[in-house]
Amino acid sequence: MQNYLIIEGGVVTNVIVWDGDTQTWQPPQDTTMLVQSTTPTKIWDINADKTEFVLTESVGNANIGFTWDGAFAITNEPKPVVPTA
């Protein structure tokens, strides 16, 4: 059993636990199913000099609301602001 992302219209609409067996369950029509733990993602992370948040490539962090561009699931969170001292 693994977590799968259900992608509809380019957006992750659900995350389900499934064994991948299409004999016991069929994904909804016109959806894309991706294994959550191996899906490339882009999430906000602070840069090396800690002056700005940038989209950083990672794997396995996609969740509901992320957009799918065919290569990466990209966070739907707004860009964070770096705190000032």
C-alpha atoms as a PDB file:
ATOM      1  CA  MET A   1       0.000   0.000   0.000  1.00  0.00           C
ATOM      2  CA  GLN A   2       1.207   3.459  -0.886  1.00  0.00           C
ATOM      3  CA  ASN A   3      -0.103   7.000  -0.889  1.00  0.00           C
ATOM      4  CA  TYR A   4      -1.234   8.083  -4.352  1.00  0.00           C
ATOM      5  CA  LEU A   5      -1.970  11.584  -5.582  1.00  0.00           C
ATOM      6  CA  ILE A   6      -5.160  11.991  -7.588  1.00  0.00           C
ATOM      7  CA  ILE A   7      -4.657  14.785 -10.121  1.00  0.00           C
ATOM      8  CA  GLU A   8      -7.634  16.320 -11.902  1.00  0.00           C
ATOM      9  CA  GLY A   9      -7.308  19.225 -14.311  1.00  0.00           C
ATOM     10  CA  GLY A  10      -3.687  19.801 -13.288  1.00  0.00           C
ATOM     11  CA  VAL A  11      -4.407  20.003  -9.542  1.00  0.00           C
ATOM     12  CA  VAL A  12      -3.891  17.424  -6.794  1.00  0.00           C
ATOM     13  CA  THR A  13      -7.443  16.924  -5.533  1.00  0.00           C
ATOM     14  CA  ASN A  14      -6.924  14.008  -3.167  1.00  0.00           C
ATOM     15  CA  VAL A  15      -4.355  11.702  -1.589  1.00  0.00           C
ATOM     16  CA  ILE A  16      -5.403   8.078  -1.096  1.00  0.00           C
ATOM     17  CA  VAL A  17      -3.895   4.872   0.235  1.00  0.00           C
ATOM     18  CA  TRP A  18      -4.050   2.233  -2.516  1.00  0.00           C
ATOM     19  CA  ASP A  19      -2.258  -0.950  -3.472  1.00  0.00           C
ATOM     20  CA  GLY A  20      -2.200   0.017  -7.172  1.00  0.00           C
ATOM     21  CA  ASP A  21      -4.317  -2.973  -8.174  1.00  0.00           C
ATOM     22  CA  THR A  22      -6.726  -1.841 -10.895  1.00  0.00           C
ATOM     23  CA  GLN A  23      -8.553  -5.176 -10.577  1.00  0.00           C
ATOM     24  CA  THR A  24      -9.911  -4.136  -7.170  1.00  0.00           C
ATOM     25  CA  TRP A  25     -10.351  -0.381  -7.754  1.00  0.00           C
ATOM     26  CA  GLN A  26     -10.245   1.928 -10.759  1.00  0.00           C
ATOM     27  CA  PRO A  27      -9.051   5.535 -10.477  1.00  0.00           C
ATOM     28  CA  PRO A  28     -11.645   8.100 -11.521  1.00  0.00           C
ATOM     29  CA  GLN A  29     -11.835   8.665 -15.267  1.00  0.00           C
ATOM     30  CA  ASP A  30      -9.688  11.521 -16.658  1.00  0.00           C
ATOM     31  CA  THR A  31      -7.390  11.588 -13.628  1.00  0.00           C
ATOM     32  CA  THR A  32      -3.670  11.050 -13.232  1.00  0.00           C
ATOM     33  CA  MET A  33      -2.432   8.863 -10.384  1.00  0.00           C
ATOM     34  CA  LEU A  34       1.098   9.327  -9.042  1.00  0.00           C
ATOM     35  CA  VAL A  35       2.887   7.640  -6.140  1.00  0.00           C
ATOM     36  CA  GLN A  36       3.283  10.430  -3.581  1.00  0.00           C
ATOM     37  CA  SER A  37       6.702   9.320  -2.272  1.00  0.00           C
ATOM     38  CA  THR A  38       8.348   9.378  -5.717  1.00  0.00           C
ATOM     39  CA  THR A  39       6.666  12.408  -7.275  1.00  0.00           C
ATOM     40  CA  PRO A  40       9.029  15.328  -8.023  1.00  0.00           C
ATOM     41  CA  THR A  41       7.904  18.483  -6.254  1.00  0.00           C
ATOM     42  CA  LYS A  42       8.800  22.144  -5.947  1.00  0.00           C
ATOM     43  CA  ILE A  43       8.360  23.657  -2.497  1.00  0.00           C
ATOM     44  CA  TRP A  44       9.505  26.873  -0.834  1.00  0.00           C
ATOM     45  CA  ASP A  45      12.886  26.751   0.887  1.00  0.00           C
ATOM     46  CA  ILE A  46      15.152  29.523   2.039  1.00  0.00           C
ATOM     47  CA  ASN A  47      18.235  30.159  -0.111  1.00  0.00           C
ATOM     48  CA  ALA A  48      21.798  29.586   1.127  1.00  0.00           C
ATOM     49  CA  ASP A  49      22.363  33.157   2.313  1.00  0.00           C
ATOM     50  CA  LYS A  50      18.935  33.224   4.001  1.00  0.00           C
ATOM     51  CA  THR A  51      17.742  36.304   2.115  1.00  0.00           C
ATOM     52  CA  GLU A  52      14.893  34.862   0.059  1.00  0.00           C
ATOM     53  CA  PHE A  53      12.611  31.858  -0.294  1.00  0.00           C
ATOM     54  CA  VAL A  54      12.939  30.040  -3.632  1.00  0.00           C
ATOM     55  CA  LEU A  55      11.125  27.100  -5.189  1.00  0.00           C
ATOM     56  CA  THR A  56      13.348  24.100  -4.567  1.00  0.00           C
ATOM     57  CA  GLU A  57      13.109  20.672  -6.177  1.00  0.00           C
ATOM     58  CA  SER A  58      12.419  17.775  -3.844  1.00  0.00           C
ATOM     59  CA  VAL A  59      10.623  14.432  -3.933  1.00  0.00           C
ATOM     60  CA  GLY A  60       7.557  13.184  -2.133  1.00  0.00           C
ATOM     61  CA  ASN A  61       6.164  16.402  -0.639  1.00  0.00           C
ATOM     62  CA  ALA A  62       3.103  16.900  -2.860  1.00  0.00           C
ATOM     63  CA  ASN A  63      -0.260  17.318  -1.218  1.00  0.00           C
ATOM     64  CA  ILE A  64      -3.815  18.432  -1.968  1.00  0.00           C
ATOM     65  CA  GLY A  65      -3.864  21.757  -3.808  1.00  0.00           C
ATOM     66  CA  PHE A  66      -0.456  21.408  -5.459  1.00  0.00           C
ATOM     67  CA  THR A  67      -0.490  21.985  -9.220  1.00  0.00           C
ATOM     68  CA  TRP A  68       0.882  19.403 -11.639  1.00  0.00           C
ATOM     69  CA  ASP A  69       2.761  20.687 -14.705  1.00  0.00           C
ATOM     70  CA  GLY A  70       3.568  17.255 -16.129  1.00  0.00           C
ATOM     71  CA  ALA A  71       6.981  17.122 -14.472  1.00  0.00           C
ATOM     72  CA  PHE A  72       6.591  18.608 -10.972  1.00  0.00           C
ATOM     73  CA  ALA A  73       3.896  18.993  -8.348  1.00  0.00           C
ATOM     74  CA  ILE A  74       4.276  22.650  -7.340  1.00  0.00           C
ATOM     75  CA  THR A  75       3.210  24.023  -3.960  1.00  0.00           C
ATOM     76  CA  ASN A  76       0.091  26.147  -3.745  1.00  0.00           C
ATOM     77  CA  GLU A  77       1.416  28.043  -0.731  1.00  0.00           C
ATOM     78  CA  PRO A  78       2.247  31.728  -1.223  1.00  0.00           C
ATOM     79  CA  LYS A  79       5.911  32.663  -1.183  1.00  0.00           C
ATOM     80  CA  PRO A  80       7.009  33.115   2.447  1.00  0.00           C
ATOM     81  CA  VAL A  81       8.556  36.360   3.620  1.00  0.00           C
ATOM     82  CA  VAL A  82      11.986  36.228   5.248  1.00  0.00           C
ATOM     83  CA  PRO A  83      11.712  37.511   8.810  1.00  0.00           C
ATOM     84  CA  THR A  84      13.766  40.587   9.591  1.00  0.00           C
ATOM     85  CA  ALA A  85      15.679  41.044  12.805  1.00  0.00           C
END
